[in-house]
Amino acid sequence: MTQRLGNAGAQKAVRAHNDAVRGAIQQFNGREVKHTGDGIMATFPDGPSAVAGLSANAARRCGS
């Protein structure tokens, strides 16, 4: 990605991704446990909330 977008473009894409993921976590009452550098580890209060958060994030990524 860095080769294609350059450093600034890649950092911008990663920040946008992290913002979207954090939005889905917050929307479904999740809690960010750890930022792993290339991802985010989160917990949710229950299974349905976790699935809804994952689905919301996937829909955002697909432009739905």
C-alpha atoms as a PDB file:
ATOM      1  CA  MET A   1       0.000   0.000   0.000  1.00  0.00           C
ATOM      2  CA  THR A   2       2.841   2.391   0.836  1.00  0.00           C
ATOM      3  CA  GLN A   3       4.418   1.805  -2.568  1.00  0.00           C
ATOM      4  CA  ARG A   4       1.119   2.557  -4.272  1.00  0.00           C
ATOM      5  CA  LEU A   5      -0.026   5.506  -2.116  1.00  0.00           C
ATOM      6  CA  GLY A   6       3.214   6.849  -0.672  1.00  0.00           C
ATOM      7  CA  ASN A   7       3.834   7.317   3.047  1.00  0.00           C
ATOM      8  CA  ALA A   8       1.312  10.110   3.574  1.00  0.00           C
ATOM      9  CA  GLY A   9      -1.395   8.360   1.570  1.00  0.00           C
ATOM     10  CA  ALA A  10      -0.875   5.058   3.368  1.00  0.00           C
ATOM     11  CA  GLN A  11      -1.012   6.760   6.769  1.00  0.00           C
ATOM     12  CA  LYS A  12      -4.214   8.526   5.742  1.00  0.00           C
ATOM     13  CA  ALA A  13      -5.771   5.195   4.669  1.00  0.00           C
ATOM     14  CA  VAL A  14      -4.758   3.501   7.923  1.00  0.00           C
ATOM     15  CA  ARG A  15      -6.197   6.376   9.992  1.00  0.00           C
ATOM     16  CA  ALA A  16      -9.479   6.195   8.047  1.00  0.00           C
ATOM     17  CA  HIS A  17      -9.624   2.433   8.632  1.00  0.00           C
ATOM     18  CA  ASN A  18      -8.933   2.819  12.348  1.00  0.00           C
ATOM     19  CA  ASP A  19     -11.587   5.547  12.648  1.00  0.00           C
ATOM     20  CA  ALA A  20     -14.171   3.313  10.951  1.00  0.00           C
ATOM     21  CA  VAL A  21     -13.335   0.329  13.138  1.00  0.00           C
ATOM     22  CA  ARG A  22     -13.431   2.428  16.300  1.00  0.00           C
ATOM     23  CA  GLY A  23     -16.790   3.852  15.235  1.00  0.00           C
ATOM     24  CA  ALA A  24     -18.239   0.358  14.849  1.00  0.00           C
ATOM     25  CA  ILE A  25     -16.779  -0.700  18.192  1.00  0.00           C
ATOM     26  CA  GLN A  26     -18.335   2.290  19.934  1.00  0.00           C
ATOM     27  CA  GLN A  27     -21.673   1.975  18.132  1.00  0.00           C
ATOM     28  CA  PHE A  28     -22.147  -1.573  19.409  1.00  0.00           C
ATOM     29  CA  ASN A  29     -20.901  -1.005  22.970  1.00  0.00           C
ATOM     30  CA  GLY A  30     -17.534  -2.590  22.409  1.00  0.00           C
ATOM     31  CA  ARG A  31     -14.253  -1.708  24.032  1.00  0.00           C
ATOM     32  CA  GLU A  32     -10.897  -1.370  22.319  1.00  0.00           C
ATOM     33  CA  VAL A  33      -8.436  -3.603  24.144  1.00  0.00           C
ATOM     34  CA  LYS A  34      -5.313  -3.084  22.077  1.00  0.00           C
ATOM     35  CA  HIS A  35      -4.122  -1.491  18.862  1.00  0.00           C
ATOM     36  CA  THR A  36      -1.880  -4.066  17.221  1.00  0.00           C
ATOM     37  CA  GLY A  37      -0.263  -1.793  14.657  1.00  0.00           C
ATOM     38  CA  ASP A  38      -2.193  -3.229  11.730  1.00  0.00           C
ATOM     39  CA  GLY A  39      -5.472  -3.930  13.504  1.00  0.00           C
ATOM     40  CA  ILE A  40      -7.529  -3.389  16.610  1.00  0.00           C
ATOM     41  CA  MET A  41      -8.431  -5.981  19.235  1.00  0.00           C
ATOM     42  CA  ALA A  42     -11.835  -5.330  20.795  1.00  0.00           C
ATOM     43  CA  THR A  43     -14.320  -6.951  23.121  1.00  0.00           C
ATOM     44  CA  PHE A  44     -18.093  -6.688  23.083  1.00  0.00           C
ATOM     45  CA  PRO A  45     -20.680  -7.349  25.789  1.00  0.00           C
ATOM     46  CA  ASP A  46     -22.179 -10.278  23.878  1.00  0.00           C
ATOM     47  CA  GLY A  47     -21.994 -12.253  20.648  1.00  0.00           C
ATOM     48  CA  PRO A  48     -24.758 -10.412  18.782  1.00  0.00           C
ATOM     49  CA  SER A  49     -23.072  -7.056  19.475  1.00  0.00           C
ATOM     50  CA  ALA A  50     -19.762  -8.394  18.189  1.00  0.00           C
ATOM     51  CA  VAL A  51     -21.359  -9.696  14.995  1.00  0.00           C
ATOM     52  CA  ALA A  52     -23.247  -6.422  14.493  1.00  0.00           C
ATOM     53  CA  GLY A  53     -20.044  -4.415  14.964  1.00  0.00           C
ATOM     54  CA  LEU A  54     -18.163  -6.602  12.497  1.00  0.00           C
ATOM     55  CA  SER A  55     -21.030  -6.402   9.997  1.00  0.00           C
ATOM     56  CA  ALA A  56     -21.266  -2.616  10.316  1.00  0.00           C
ATOM     57  CA  ASN A  57     -17.535  -2.278   9.717  1.00  0.00           C
ATOM     58  CA  ALA A  58     -17.638  -4.613   6.703  1.00  0.00           C
ATOM     59  CA  ALA A  59     -20.574  -2.672   5.235  1.00  0.00           C
ATOM     60  CA  ARG A  60     -18.640   0.589   5.589  1.00  0.00           C
ATOM     61  CA  ARG A  61     -15.636  -0.947   3.836  1.00  0.00           C
ATOM     62  CA  CYS A  62     -17.810  -2.144   0.967  1.00  0.00           C
ATOM     63  CA  GLY A  63     -19.528   1.219   0.617  1.00  0.00           C
ATOM     64  CA  SER A  64     -22.947  -0.038   1.702  1.00  0.00           C
END
